[in-house]
Amino acid sequence: MIFSLLITGAPYSSQSVATALQFAREALQQGHSIHRVFFYADAVHTGSKLATPPQDEMHIPDEWQQLAKDHELDLVVCIAAAVRRGVLDDGEAKRHEKPAGNLQDNYQLSGLGQLVEAAMISDRMITFAP
């Protein structure tokens, strides 16, 4: 089965991002595929390379990044929601005259068209919300 995931909760103030990560790992382990993971609303903070959780907590952005590397996942951060919250790639940082981008590697900024396309290609779109 082909899944796409829509995540809307902030990585450290809701369980949605961590639960989606656990679901993705299990689905991949069972032989399913994940077409796209779309981070929307406060979930865009998952793409920030500035997150620095305490050492005894899971580093959720890095966990997603590693899963993406291991399984060639498409991690998409909604550009409108991200820019509003200060999560920028280098191109957007330059465009908005900011000193630097802070989007993690293996994450890309894109629009809602990517979410629609994911829903069309996938057998199931699963939403993880707070």
C-alpha atoms as a PDB file:
ATOM      1  CA  MET A   1       0.000   0.000   0.000  1.00  0.00           C
ATOM      2  CA  ILE A   2       1.192   3.524  -0.755  1.00  0.00           C
ATOM      3  CA  PHE A   3       0.729   6.032   2.045  1.00  0.00           C
ATOM      4  CA  SER A   4       1.165   9.785   2.244  1.00  0.00           C
ATOM      5  CA  LEU A   5       1.168  11.548   5.581  1.00  0.00           C
ATOM      6  CA  LEU A   6      -0.135  14.994   6.488  1.00  0.00           C
ATOM      7  CA  ILE A   7       1.192  16.289   9.806  1.00  0.00           C
ATOM      8  CA  THR A   8      -0.092  19.485  11.415  1.00  0.00           C
ATOM      9  CA  GLY A   9       1.057  19.545  15.045  1.00  0.00           C
ATOM     10  CA  ALA A  10       4.245  21.115  16.371  1.00  0.00           C
ATOM     11  CA  PRO A  11       7.014  18.580  17.001  1.00  0.00           C
ATOM     12  CA  TYR A  12       7.428  19.235  20.724  1.00  0.00           C
ATOM     13  CA  SER A  13       4.003  20.444  21.839  1.00  0.00           C
ATOM     14  CA  SER A  14       1.876  17.676  20.344  1.00  0.00           C
ATOM     15  CA  GLN A  15       2.268  13.966  19.738  1.00  0.00           C
ATOM     16  CA  SER A  16       1.320  14.174  16.059  1.00  0.00           C
ATOM     17  CA  VAL A  17       4.860  14.381  14.635  1.00  0.00           C
ATOM     18  CA  ALA A  18       6.256  11.605  16.832  1.00  0.00           C
ATOM     19  CA  THR A  19       3.217   9.389  16.221  1.00  0.00           C
ATOM     20  CA  ALA A  20       3.532   9.913  12.460  1.00  0.00           C
ATOM     21  CA  LEU A  21       7.221   8.975  12.684  1.00  0.00           C
ATOM     22  CA  GLN A  22       6.358   5.783  14.533  1.00  0.00           C
ATOM     23  CA  PHE A  23       3.643   4.981  11.972  1.00  0.00           C
ATOM     24  CA  ALA A  24       6.031   5.617   9.063  1.00  0.00           C
ATOM     25  CA  ARG A  25       8.698   3.341  10.518  1.00  0.00           C
ATOM     26  CA  GLU A  26       6.210   0.550  11.099  1.00  0.00           C
ATOM     27  CA  ALA A  27       4.603   0.898   7.664  1.00  0.00           C
ATOM     28  CA  LEU A  28       7.992   0.767   5.949  1.00  0.00           C
ATOM     29  CA  GLN A  29       9.044  -2.208   8.043  1.00  0.00           C
ATOM     30  CA  GLN A  30       5.897  -4.052   6.940  1.00  0.00           C
ATOM     31  CA  GLY A  31       6.732  -3.458   3.271  1.00  0.00           C
ATOM     32  CA  HIS A  32       4.458  -0.517   2.524  1.00  0.00           C
ATOM     33  CA  SER A  33       5.761   2.612   0.836  1.00  0.00           C
ATOM     34  CA  ILE A  34       5.420   6.258   1.726  1.00  0.00           C
ATOM     35  CA  HIS A  35       5.033   8.595  -1.212  1.00  0.00           C
ATOM     36  CA  ARG A  36       5.277  11.867   0.693  1.00  0.00           C
ATOM     37  CA  VAL A  37       5.275  13.358   4.184  1.00  0.00           C
ATOM     38  CA  PHE A  38       3.737  16.842   4.170  1.00  0.00           C
ATOM     39  CA  PHE A  39       4.374  19.103   7.161  1.00  0.00           C
ATOM     40  CA  TYR A  40       1.716  21.803   7.501  1.00  0.00           C
ATOM     41  CA  ALA A  41       0.781  24.459  10.093  1.00  0.00           C
ATOM     42  CA  ASP A  42       2.970  24.187  13.212  1.00  0.00           C
ATOM     43  CA  ALA A  43       4.464  20.896  11.982  1.00  0.00           C
ATOM     44  CA  VAL A  44       6.718  22.970   9.707  1.00  0.00           C
ATOM     45  CA  HIS A  45       8.979  23.459  12.737  1.00  0.00           C
ATOM     46  CA  THR A  46      10.005  19.819  12.222  1.00  0.00           C
ATOM     47  CA  GLY A  47      12.049  21.036   9.262  1.00  0.00           C
ATOM     48  CA  SER A  48      14.092  23.539  11.262  1.00  0.00           C
ATOM     49  CA  LYS A  49      17.737  22.686  11.781  1.00  0.00           C
ATOM     50  CA  LEU A  50      17.774  25.037  14.775  1.00  0.00           C
ATOM     51  CA  ALA A  51      15.750  22.713  17.026  1.00  0.00           C
ATOM     52  CA  THR A  52      17.878  21.652  19.979  1.00  0.00           C
ATOM     53  CA  PRO A  53      15.959  19.383  22.342  1.00  0.00           C
ATOM     54  CA  PRO A  54      17.524  18.204  25.615  1.00  0.00           C
ATOM     55  CA  GLN A  55      19.937  15.307  25.172  1.00  0.00           C
ATOM     56  CA  ASP A  56      17.609  12.884  26.936  1.00  0.00           C
ATOM     57  CA  GLU A  57      14.740  13.570  24.481  1.00  0.00           C
ATOM     58  CA  MET A  58      14.256  12.299  20.975  1.00  0.00           C
ATOM     59  CA  HIS A  59      15.488  14.760  18.326  1.00  0.00           C
ATOM     60  CA  ILE A  60      12.395  14.538  16.124  1.00  0.00           C
ATOM     61  CA  PRO A  61      13.678  16.588  13.147  1.00  0.00           C
ATOM     62  CA  ASP A  62      16.840  14.487  12.957  1.00  0.00           C
ATOM     63  CA  GLU A  63      14.827  11.265  13.273  1.00  0.00           C
ATOM     64  CA  TRP A  64      12.708  12.277  10.254  1.00  0.00           C
ATOM     65  CA  GLN A  65      15.827  13.272   8.365  1.00  0.00           C
ATOM     66  CA  GLN A  66      17.452   9.894   9.014  1.00  0.00           C
ATOM     67  CA  LEU A  67      14.295   8.023   8.002  1.00  0.00           C
ATOM     68  CA  ALA A  68      14.209  10.063   4.779  1.00  0.00           C
ATOM     69  CA  LYS A  69      17.830   9.157   4.044  1.00  0.00           C
ATOM     70  CA  ASP A  70      17.301   5.479   4.790  1.00  0.00           C
ATOM     71  CA  HIS A  71      14.126   5.128   2.712  1.00  0.00           C
ATOM     72  CA  GLU A  72      14.368   7.972   0.181  1.00  0.00           C
ATOM     73  CA  LEU A  73      11.291   9.704   1.594  1.00  0.00           C
ATOM     74  CA  ASP A  74       9.939  12.955   0.206  1.00  0.00           C
ATOM     75  CA  LEU A  75       9.701  15.381   3.159  1.00  0.00           C
ATOM     76  CA  VAL A  76       7.765  18.482   2.110  1.00  0.00           C
ATOM     77  CA  VAL A  77       7.272  21.550   4.275  1.00  0.00           C
ATOM     78  CA  CYS A  78       4.411  23.864   3.293  1.00  0.00           C
ATOM     79  CA  ILE A  79       6.104  27.018   2.066  1.00  0.00           C
ATOM     80  CA  ALA A  80       3.370  29.437   3.157  1.00  0.00           C
ATOM     81  CA  ALA A  81       3.171  28.010   6.670  1.00  0.00           C
ATOM     82  CA  ALA A  82       6.956  27.755   6.943  1.00  0.00           C
ATOM     83  CA  VAL A  83       7.779  31.304   5.859  1.00  0.00           C
ATOM     84  CA  ARG A  84       5.146  32.626   8.252  1.00  0.00           C
ATOM     85  CA  ARG A  85       6.873  30.744  11.083  1.00  0.00           C
ATOM     86  CA  GLY A  86      10.463  31.550  10.109  1.00  0.00           C
ATOM     87  CA  VAL A  87      11.426  28.210   8.590  1.00  0.00           C
ATOM     88  CA  LEU A  88      13.271  29.107   5.385  1.00  0.00           C
ATOM     89  CA  ASP A  89      15.560  27.447   2.890  1.00  0.00           C
ATOM     90  CA  ASP A  90      18.483  29.492   1.577  1.00  0.00           C
ATOM     91  CA  GLY A  91      16.501  30.739  -1.437  1.00  0.00           C
ATOM     92  CA  GLU A  92      13.592  31.998   0.648  1.00  0.00           C
ATOM     93  CA  ALA A  93      15.963  33.548   3.184  1.00  0.00           C
ATOM     94  CA  LYS A  94      17.616  35.518   0.410  1.00  0.00           C
ATOM     95  CA  ARG A  95      14.272  36.485  -1.139  1.00  0.00           C
ATOM     96  CA  HIS A  96      12.998  37.795   2.210  1.00  0.00           C
ATOM     97  CA  GLU A  97      16.344  39.422   3.036  1.00  0.00           C
ATOM     98  CA  LYS A  98      17.046  37.211   6.039  1.00  0.00           C
ATOM     99  CA  PRO A  99      20.618  36.384   7.089  1.00  0.00           C
ATOM    100  CA  ALA A 100      20.354  32.600   6.608  1.00  0.00           C
ATOM    101  CA  GLY A 101      18.077  29.683   5.920  1.00  0.00           C
ATOM    102  CA  ASN A 102      17.345  27.098   8.573  1.00  0.00           C
ATOM    103  CA  LEU A 103      15.658  24.251   6.670  1.00  0.00           C
ATOM    104  CA  GLN A 104      17.200  20.851   7.359  1.00  0.00           C
ATOM    105  CA  ASP A 105      18.701  18.763   4.578  1.00  0.00           C
ATOM    106  CA  ASN A 106      16.283  16.268   3.014  1.00  0.00           C
ATOM    107  CA  TYR A 107      13.348  18.643   3.560  1.00  0.00           C
ATOM    108  CA  GLN A 108      11.988  20.813   0.772  1.00  0.00           C
ATOM    109  CA  LEU A 109       9.679  23.815   0.741  1.00  0.00           C
ATOM    110  CA  SER A 110       6.707  23.498  -1.588  1.00  0.00           C
ATOM    111  CA  GLY A 111       3.057  24.396  -1.920  1.00  0.00           C
ATOM    112  CA  LEU A 112      -0.244  22.661  -1.334  1.00  0.00           C
ATOM    113  CA  GLY A 113      -0.141  21.278  -4.861  1.00  0.00           C
ATOM    114  CA  GLN A 114       2.313  18.695  -3.531  1.00  0.00           C
ATOM    115  CA  LEU A 115      -0.276  17.651  -0.942  1.00  0.00           C
ATOM    116  CA  VAL A 116      -2.985  17.300  -3.588  1.00  0.00           C
ATOM    117  CA  GLU A 117      -0.659  15.303  -5.843  1.00  0.00           C
ATOM    118  CA  ALA A 118       0.242  13.022  -2.923  1.00  0.00           C
ATOM    119  CA  ALA A 119      -3.427  12.344  -2.235  1.00  0.00           C
ATOM    120  CA  MET A 120      -3.996  11.437  -5.874  1.00  0.00           C
ATOM    121  CA  ILE A 121      -1.045   9.020  -6.070  1.00  0.00           C
ATOM    122  CA  SER A 122      -1.404   7.366  -2.667  1.00  0.00           C
ATOM    123  CA  ASP A 123      -3.789   4.627  -1.659  1.00  0.00           C
ATOM    124  CA  ARG A 124      -4.265   6.362   1.695  1.00  0.00           C
ATOM    125  CA  MET A 125      -3.623   9.845   3.010  1.00  0.00           C
ATOM    126  CA  ILE A 126      -3.311   9.767   6.782  1.00  0.00           C
ATOM    127  CA  THR A 127      -3.527  12.943   8.841  1.00  0.00           C
ATOM    128  CA  PHE A 128      -1.727  13.341  12.166  1.00  0.00           C
ATOM    129  CA  ALA A 129      -3.125  16.372  13.988  1.00  0.00           C
ATOM    130  CA  PRO A 130      -2.955  17.593  17.585  1.00  0.00           C
END
